[in-house]
Amino acid sequence: MPYRLLADAVLLLHLGFILFVVFGALLVAKRRRWLPAHLAAASWGFLVEASGAVCPLTWAELYFRRLAGQAGYEGGFVDHYLLPLIYPAGLTRELQIGLGVGVLAINALLYAWIRRRGRAPG
């Protein structure tokens, strides 16, 4: 049971990291001190997607699932609703590269908005 909880915790951490990679610039808009952390996370996210590497959080989750005696991802709220967000079915190399480019595009737009906002009077 504790390994199952650890695996689910890593899965939630992974989802949080992905959300931070994609939308972390919104935190930067509120608090500039998030800038270094977000740039590092977004760079990592892009590199993992562009290179086809497997994120270490995936390995950690699978390790804990094996220790818990789980072979797959069946059962439970976390498994049913969050896994498809992180591990979509039919993920091809081209789609993975597209996701990486999408992360760059979203962040470029958000940072352009932050920069323009910083120059606006008021």
C-alpha atoms as a PDB file:
ATOM      1  CA  MET A   1       0.000   0.000   0.000  1.00  0.00           C
ATOM      2  CA  PRO A   2       2.718   2.600   0.787  1.00  0.00           C
ATOM      3  CA  TYR A   3       4.361   1.987  -2.595  1.00  0.00           C
ATOM      4  CA  ARG A   4       1.040   2.488  -4.346  1.00  0.00           C
ATOM      5  CA  LEU A   5       0.648   5.822  -2.538  1.00  0.00           C
ATOM      6  CA  LEU A   6       4.194   6.809  -3.479  1.00  0.00           C
ATOM      7  CA  ALA A   7       3.502   5.932  -7.124  1.00  0.00           C
ATOM      8  CA  ASP A   8       0.318   8.030  -7.072  1.00  0.00           C
ATOM      9  CA  ALA A   9       2.178  10.905  -5.396  1.00  0.00           C
ATOM     10  CA  VAL A  10       4.859  10.808  -8.101  1.00  0.00           C
ATOM     11  CA  LEU A  11       2.122  10.777 -10.750  1.00  0.00           C
ATOM     12  CA  LEU A  12       0.533  13.882  -9.204  1.00  0.00           C
ATOM     13  CA  LEU A  13       3.944  15.550  -8.970  1.00  0.00           C
ATOM     14  CA  HIS A  14       4.512  14.719 -12.639  1.00  0.00           C
ATOM     15  CA  LEU A  15       1.183  16.279 -13.605  1.00  0.00           C
ATOM     16  CA  GLY A  16       2.001  19.366 -11.550  1.00  0.00           C
ATOM     17  CA  PHE A  17       5.390  19.643 -13.222  1.00  0.00           C
ATOM     18  CA  ILE A  18       3.808  19.386 -16.676  1.00  0.00           C
ATOM     19  CA  LEU A  19       1.305  22.121 -15.797  1.00  0.00           C
ATOM     20  CA  PHE A  20       4.155  24.283 -14.494  1.00  0.00           C
ATOM     21  CA  VAL A  21       6.131  23.718 -17.707  1.00  0.00           C
ATOM     22  CA  VAL A  22       3.193  24.707 -19.890  1.00  0.00           C
ATOM     23  CA  PHE A  23       1.636  27.497 -17.810  1.00  0.00           C
ATOM     24  CA  GLY A  24       4.378  28.546 -15.378  1.00  0.00           C
ATOM     25  CA  ALA A  25       4.836  31.845 -17.198  1.00  0.00           C
ATOM     26  CA  LEU A  26       1.549  32.894 -15.605  1.00  0.00           C
ATOM     27  CA  LEU A  27       3.268  32.603 -12.228  1.00  0.00           C
ATOM     28  CA  VAL A  28       6.144  34.666 -13.595  1.00  0.00           C
ATOM     29  CA  ALA A  29       3.628  37.362 -14.568  1.00  0.00           C
ATOM     30  CA  LYS A  30       2.627  37.616 -10.907  1.00  0.00           C
ATOM     31  CA  ARG A  31       5.998  37.018  -9.270  1.00  0.00           C
ATOM     32  CA  ARG A  32       9.180  37.514 -11.287  1.00  0.00           C
ATOM     33  CA  ARG A  33      11.142  35.346  -8.865  1.00  0.00           C
ATOM     34  CA  TRP A  34       9.586  32.279 -10.567  1.00  0.00           C
ATOM     35  CA  LEU A  35      11.441  33.128 -13.799  1.00  0.00           C
ATOM     36  CA  PRO A  36      14.606  30.999 -13.274  1.00  0.00           C
ATOM     37  CA  ALA A  37      12.640  27.975 -12.063  1.00  0.00           C
ATOM     38  CA  HIS A  38      10.178  28.198 -14.929  1.00  0.00           C
ATOM     39  CA  LEU A  39      12.812  28.677 -17.610  1.00  0.00           C
ATOM     40  CA  ALA A  40      14.690  25.638 -16.280  1.00  0.00           C
ATOM     41  CA  ALA A  41      11.507  23.532 -16.118  1.00  0.00           C
ATOM     42  CA  ALA A  42      10.314  24.616 -19.573  1.00  0.00           C
ATOM     43  CA  SER A  43      13.756  23.893 -21.043  1.00  0.00           C
ATOM     44  CA  TRP A  44      13.764  20.456 -19.438  1.00  0.00           C
ATOM     45  CA  GLY A  45      10.236  19.728 -20.669  1.00  0.00           C
ATOM     46  CA  PHE A  46      11.135  20.736 -24.198  1.00  0.00           C
ATOM     47  CA  LEU A  47      14.366  18.705 -24.180  1.00  0.00           C
ATOM     48  CA  VAL A  48      12.606  15.585 -22.907  1.00  0.00           C
ATOM     49  CA  GLU A  49       9.923  15.875 -25.582  1.00  0.00           C
ATOM     50  CA  ALA A  50      12.323  16.787 -28.388  1.00  0.00           C
ATOM     51  CA  SER A  51      14.819  14.052 -27.565  1.00  0.00           C
ATOM     52  CA  GLY A  52      12.257  11.323 -26.971  1.00  0.00           C
ATOM     53  CA  ALA A  53      13.744  10.660 -23.556  1.00  0.00           C
ATOM     54  CA  VAL A  54      11.710   9.342 -20.653  1.00  0.00           C
ATOM     55  CA  CYS A  55      11.287  11.713 -17.741  1.00  0.00           C
ATOM     56  CA  PRO A  56      12.840  10.449 -14.490  1.00  0.00           C
ATOM     57  CA  LEU A  57       9.473  10.967 -12.805  1.00  0.00           C
ATOM     58  CA  THR A  58       8.050   8.280 -15.088  1.00  0.00           C
ATOM     59  CA  TRP A  59      10.780   5.855 -14.026  1.00  0.00           C
ATOM     60  CA  ALA A  60      10.180   6.679 -10.356  1.00  0.00           C
ATOM     61  CA  GLU A  61       6.450   6.106 -10.679  1.00  0.00           C
ATOM     62  CA  LEU A  62       6.887   2.786 -12.486  1.00  0.00           C
ATOM     63  CA  TYR A  63       9.467   1.679  -9.915  1.00  0.00           C
ATOM     64  CA  PHE A  64       7.019   2.288  -7.070  1.00  0.00           C
ATOM     65  CA  ARG A  65       4.215   0.583  -8.993  1.00  0.00           C
ATOM     66  CA  ARG A  66       6.398  -2.521  -9.447  1.00  0.00           C
ATOM     67  CA  LEU A  67       7.210  -2.503  -5.721  1.00  0.00           C
ATOM     68  CA  ALA A  68       3.483  -2.275  -5.051  1.00  0.00           C
ATOM     69  CA  GLY A  69       2.950  -5.370  -7.207  1.00  0.00           C
ATOM     70  CA  GLN A  70       1.204  -3.499 -10.008  1.00  0.00           C
ATOM     71  CA  ALA A  71       1.875  -4.465 -13.586  1.00  0.00           C
ATOM     72  CA  GLY A  72      -0.174  -1.748 -15.222  1.00  0.00           C
ATOM     73  CA  TYR A  73      -2.319   1.274 -14.651  1.00  0.00           C
ATOM     74  CA  GLU A  74      -5.746  -0.123 -13.886  1.00  0.00           C
ATOM     75  CA  GLY A  75      -8.049   1.034 -11.103  1.00  0.00           C
ATOM     76  CA  GLY A  76      -8.349   4.140  -8.994  1.00  0.00           C
ATOM     77  CA  PHE A  77      -9.159   7.764  -9.704  1.00  0.00           C
ATOM     78  CA  VAL A  78      -5.571   8.764 -10.317  1.00  0.00           C
ATOM     79  CA  ASP A  79      -4.988   5.903 -12.733  1.00  0.00           C
ATOM     80  CA  HIS A  80      -8.196   6.390 -14.635  1.00  0.00           C
ATOM     81  CA  TYR A  81      -8.281  10.190 -14.989  1.00  0.00           C
ATOM     82  CA  LEU A  82      -4.710  11.474 -14.762  1.00  0.00           C
ATOM     83  CA  LEU A  83      -2.676   8.834 -16.573  1.00  0.00           C
ATOM     84  CA  PRO A  84      -4.209   9.586 -19.997  1.00  0.00           C
ATOM     85  CA  LEU A  85      -3.130  13.221 -19.586  1.00  0.00           C
ATOM     86  CA  ILE A  86       0.496  12.287 -18.980  1.00  0.00           C
ATOM     87  CA  TYR A  87       0.698   9.133 -21.106  1.00  0.00           C
ATOM     88  CA  PRO A  88      -1.721   9.647 -24.030  1.00  0.00           C
ATOM     89  CA  ALA A  89      -2.605   6.650 -26.184  1.00  0.00           C
ATOM     90  CA  GLY A  90      -1.043   6.652 -29.629  1.00  0.00           C
ATOM     91  CA  LEU A  91       1.834   8.956 -28.703  1.00  0.00           C
ATOM     92  CA  THR A  92       4.082   9.011 -31.769  1.00  0.00           C
ATOM     93  CA  ARG A  93       7.497  10.603 -32.171  1.00  0.00           C
ATOM     94  CA  GLU A  94       5.985  13.300 -34.400  1.00  0.00           C
ATOM     95  CA  LEU A  95       3.285  14.069 -31.829  1.00  0.00           C
ATOM     96  CA  GLN A  96       5.899  14.186 -29.090  1.00  0.00           C
ATOM     97  CA  ILE A  97       7.944  16.740 -31.061  1.00  0.00           C
ATOM     98  CA  GLY A  98       4.744  18.695 -31.720  1.00  0.00           C
ATOM     99  CA  LEU A  99       4.031  18.777 -27.997  1.00  0.00           C
ATOM    100  CA  GLY A 100       7.521  20.125 -27.349  1.00  0.00           C
ATOM    101  CA  VAL A 101       7.042  22.832 -29.976  1.00  0.00           C
ATOM    102  CA  GLY A 102       3.627  23.593 -28.454  1.00  0.00           C
ATOM    103  CA  VAL A 103       5.234  24.121 -25.048  1.00  0.00           C
ATOM    104  CA  LEU A 104       7.705  26.542 -26.629  1.00  0.00           C
ATOM    105  CA  ALA A 105       4.952  28.398 -28.485  1.00  0.00           C
ATOM    106  CA  ILE A 106       2.697  28.767 -25.437  1.00  0.00           C
ATOM    107  CA  ASN A 107       5.576  30.030 -23.337  1.00  0.00           C
ATOM    108  CA  ALA A 108       6.829  32.387 -26.050  1.00  0.00           C
ATOM    109  CA  LEU A 109       3.363  33.939 -26.253  1.00  0.00           C
ATOM    110  CA  LEU A 110       3.059  34.211 -22.473  1.00  0.00           C
ATOM    111  CA  TYR A 111       6.500  35.768 -22.109  1.00  0.00           C
ATOM    112  CA  ALA A 112       5.779  38.227 -24.928  1.00  0.00           C
ATOM    113  CA  TRP A 113       2.596  39.195 -23.063  1.00  0.00           C
ATOM    114  CA  ILE A 114       4.543  39.581 -19.788  1.00  0.00           C
ATOM    115  CA  ARG A 115       7.177  41.710 -21.500  1.00  0.00           C
ATOM    116  CA  ARG A 116       4.584  43.946 -23.158  1.00  0.00           C
ATOM    117  CA  ARG A 117       2.688  44.238 -19.875  1.00  0.00           C
ATOM    118  CA  GLY A 118       5.889  45.296 -18.122  1.00  0.00           C
ATOM    119  CA  ARG A 119       6.303  48.216 -20.544  1.00  0.00           C
ATOM    120  CA  ALA A 120       2.713  49.419 -20.290  1.00  0.00           C
ATOM    121  CA  PRO A 121       2.100  52.497 -18.145  1.00  0.00           C
ATOM    122  CA  GLY A 122       0.276  51.991 -14.900  1.00  0.00           C
END
